[in-house]
Amino acid sequence: MKLVVLTAVISFKKEIQHMLKQAGIKTYSYRDVTGFKDLSEEALASNWFGSEMHENESIAFYVVVPKENMDQLMLLITAFNEQLETRSKVHLASLSIENYL
């Protein structure tokens, strides 16, 4: 089993829910969160946001799935991110679960 955490800007919520369904994942949790990025190290000219600190409305999904579903979800997220023309992407992290009840 895997614990999968997905984060993205809130505008990707419906697309993520659709990808979860495509990967055979029917049960998950999600929560609105505030995304934060410290851009103080970037030169102001290359800083898309025009300031040093940026917060945005984001979403986080939490899913416990068999490895097979995680592999399919990873493929879907990768394909989705590759077709995006924005700097914002869907981020995926997975952790192995030792015990699950």
C-alpha atoms as a PDB file:
ATOM      1  CA  MET A   1       0.000   0.000   0.000  1.00  0.00           C
ATOM      2  CA  LYS A   2       1.033   3.593  -0.614  1.00  0.00           C
ATOM      3  CA  LEU A   3       0.095   6.897   0.944  1.00  0.00           C
ATOM      4  CA  VAL A   4      -0.120   9.386  -1.907  1.00  0.00           C
ATOM      5  CA  VAL A   5      -0.199  13.139  -1.387  1.00  0.00           C
ATOM      6  CA  LEU A   6      -1.123  15.363  -4.316  1.00  0.00           C
ATOM      7  CA  THR A   7      -0.839  19.143  -4.207  1.00  0.00           C
ATOM      8  CA  ALA A   8      -1.821  21.693  -6.836  1.00  0.00           C
ATOM      9  CA  VAL A   9      -3.458  25.046  -7.352  1.00  0.00           C
ATOM     10  CA  ILE A  10      -7.173  24.852  -6.650  1.00  0.00           C
ATOM     11  CA  SER A  11      -8.058  25.356 -10.321  1.00  0.00           C
ATOM     12  CA  PHE A  12      -6.809  21.780 -11.009  1.00  0.00           C
ATOM     13  CA  LYS A  13      -9.268  20.206  -8.521  1.00  0.00           C
ATOM     14  CA  LYS A  14     -11.680  18.738 -11.108  1.00  0.00           C
ATOM     15  CA  GLU A  15      -8.846  17.405 -13.276  1.00  0.00           C
ATOM     16  CA  ILE A  16      -7.233  15.686 -10.283  1.00  0.00           C
ATOM     17  CA  GLN A  17     -10.553  14.133  -9.271  1.00  0.00           C
ATOM     18  CA  HIS A  18     -10.971  12.847 -12.821  1.00  0.00           C
ATOM     19  CA  MET A  19      -7.447  11.354 -12.826  1.00  0.00           C
ATOM     20  CA  LEU A  20      -8.110   9.663  -9.469  1.00  0.00           C
ATOM     21  CA  LYS A  21     -11.240   8.096 -10.962  1.00  0.00           C
ATOM     22  CA  GLN A  22      -9.323   6.996 -14.080  1.00  0.00           C
ATOM     23  CA  ALA A  23      -6.721   5.330 -11.844  1.00  0.00           C
ATOM     24  CA  GLY A  24      -9.470   3.328 -10.113  1.00  0.00           C
ATOM     25  CA  ILE A  25      -9.277   5.358  -6.900  1.00  0.00           C
ATOM     26  CA  LYS A  26     -12.731   5.897  -5.469  1.00  0.00           C
ATOM     27  CA  THR A  27     -11.897   6.937  -1.903  1.00  0.00           C
ATOM     28  CA  TYR A  28      -9.723   9.890  -0.968  1.00  0.00           C
ATOM     29  CA  SER A  29      -9.614  12.978   1.205  1.00  0.00           C
ATOM     30  CA  TYR A  30      -8.874  16.510   0.147  1.00  0.00           C
ATOM     31  CA  ARG A  31      -8.489  19.861   1.792  1.00  0.00           C
ATOM     32  CA  ASP A  32      -8.135  23.453   0.679  1.00  0.00           C
ATOM     33  CA  VAL A  33      -4.711  24.742   1.659  1.00  0.00           C
ATOM     34  CA  THR A  34      -2.637  27.869   1.142  1.00  0.00           C
ATOM     35  CA  GLY A  35       0.313  27.318  -1.158  1.00  0.00           C
ATOM     36  CA  PHE A  36       3.392  29.383  -0.432  1.00  0.00           C
ATOM     37  CA  LYS A  37       6.574  30.053  -2.384  1.00  0.00           C
ATOM     38  CA  ASP A  38       9.481  32.224  -1.243  1.00  0.00           C
ATOM     39  CA  LEU A  39      10.846  33.891  -4.373  1.00  0.00           C
ATOM     40  CA  SER A  40      13.332  36.173  -2.629  1.00  0.00           C
ATOM     41  CA  GLU A  41      16.288  34.310  -4.190  1.00  0.00           C
ATOM     42  CA  GLU A  42      15.079  34.979  -7.755  1.00  0.00           C
ATOM     43  CA  ALA A  43      15.935  38.137  -9.632  1.00  0.00           C
ATOM     44  CA  LEU A  44      12.910  40.424  -9.775  1.00  0.00           C
ATOM     45  CA  ALA A  45      12.994  40.421 -13.603  1.00  0.00           C
ATOM     46  CA  SER A  46      12.559  36.627 -13.746  1.00  0.00           C
ATOM     47  CA  ASN A  47      10.022  36.544 -10.912  1.00  0.00           C
ATOM     48  CA  TRP A  48       6.655  35.875 -12.525  1.00  0.00           C
ATOM     49  CA  PHE A  49       4.760  37.101  -9.445  1.00  0.00           C
ATOM     50  CA  GLY A  50       6.656  40.394  -9.125  1.00  0.00           C
ATOM     51  CA  SER A  51       7.174  40.096  -5.379  1.00  0.00           C
ATOM     52  CA  GLU A  52       9.311  38.097  -2.977  1.00  0.00           C
ATOM     53  CA  MET A  53       6.532  36.120  -1.278  1.00  0.00           C
ATOM     54  CA  HIS A  54       3.592  34.494  -2.986  1.00  0.00           C
ATOM     55  CA  GLU A  55       0.594  32.657  -1.547  1.00  0.00           C
ATOM     56  CA  ASN A  56      -2.151  31.048  -3.601  1.00  0.00           C
ATOM     57  CA  GLU A  57      -5.269  28.983  -3.119  1.00  0.00           C
ATOM     58  CA  SER A  58      -4.225  25.355  -3.378  1.00  0.00           C
ATOM     59  CA  ILE A  59      -5.584  21.900  -2.677  1.00  0.00           C
ATOM     60  CA  ALA A  60      -4.076  18.766  -1.143  1.00  0.00           C
ATOM     61  CA  PHE A  61      -5.385  15.236  -1.732  1.00  0.00           C
ATOM     62  CA  TYR A  62      -4.562  12.303   0.569  1.00  0.00           C
ATOM     63  CA  VAL A  63      -5.017   8.779  -0.793  1.00  0.00           C
ATOM     64  CA  VAL A  64      -4.182   5.285   0.478  1.00  0.00           C
ATOM     65  CA  VAL A  65      -3.933   2.956  -2.515  1.00  0.00           C
ATOM     66  CA  PRO A  66      -2.424  -0.330  -3.713  1.00  0.00           C
ATOM     67  CA  LYS A  67       0.838   0.142  -5.620  1.00  0.00           C
ATOM     68  CA  GLU A  68      -0.849  -0.727  -8.939  1.00  0.00           C
ATOM     69  CA  ASN A  69      -3.255   2.206  -8.632  1.00  0.00           C
ATOM     70  CA  MET A  70      -0.393   4.512  -7.649  1.00  0.00           C
ATOM     71  CA  ASP A  71       1.557   3.556 -10.772  1.00  0.00           C
ATOM     72  CA  GLN A  72      -1.442   4.375 -12.989  1.00  0.00           C
ATOM     73  CA  LEU A  73      -2.025   7.664 -11.160  1.00  0.00           C
ATOM     74  CA  MET A  74       1.632   8.589 -11.604  1.00  0.00           C
ATOM     75  CA  LEU A  75       1.331   8.053 -15.379  1.00  0.00           C
ATOM     76  CA  LEU A  76      -1.822  10.196 -15.542  1.00  0.00           C
ATOM     77  CA  ILE A  77      -0.287  13.022 -13.484  1.00  0.00           C
ATOM     78  CA  THR A  78       2.900  12.959 -15.581  1.00  0.00           C
ATOM     79  CA  ALA A  79       0.897  13.165 -18.841  1.00  0.00           C
ATOM     80  CA  PHE A  80      -1.249  15.980 -17.416  1.00  0.00           C
ATOM     81  CA  ASN A  81       1.786  17.992 -16.306  1.00  0.00           C
ATOM     82  CA  GLU A  82       3.524  17.565 -19.669  1.00  0.00           C
ATOM     83  CA  GLN A  83       0.618  19.148 -21.558  1.00  0.00           C
ATOM     84  CA  LEU A  84       0.376  22.171 -19.245  1.00  0.00           C
ATOM     85  CA  GLU A  85       1.588  25.521 -20.513  1.00  0.00           C
ATOM     86  CA  THR A  86       1.671  27.077 -17.038  1.00  0.00           C
ATOM     87  CA  ARG A  87       4.490  27.064 -14.483  1.00  0.00           C
ATOM     88  CA  SER A  88       2.168  25.461 -11.943  1.00  0.00           C
ATOM     89  CA  LYS A  89       2.017  21.649 -11.932  1.00  0.00           C
ATOM     90  CA  VAL A  90       0.347  18.863  -9.983  1.00  0.00           C
ATOM     91  CA  HIS A  91       2.835  17.515  -7.427  1.00  0.00           C
ATOM     92  CA  LEU A  92       2.742  13.894  -6.274  1.00  0.00           C
ATOM     93  CA  ALA A  93       4.574  12.241  -3.393  1.00  0.00           C
ATOM     94  CA  SER A  94       4.170   8.641  -2.265  1.00  0.00           C
ATOM     95  CA  LEU A  95       5.206   6.869   0.908  1.00  0.00           C
ATOM     96  CA  SER A  96       5.220   3.146   1.632  1.00  0.00           C
ATOM     97  CA  ILE A  97       2.814   2.046   4.338  1.00  0.00           C
ATOM     98  CA  GLU A  98       4.013  -0.692   6.672  1.00  0.00           C
ATOM     99  CA  ASN A  99       0.637  -1.394   8.304  1.00  0.00           C
ATOM    100  CA  TYR A 100      -2.901  -0.667   7.205  1.00  0.00           C
ATOM    101  CA  LEU A 101      -6.205  -1.565   8.897  1.00  0.00           C
END
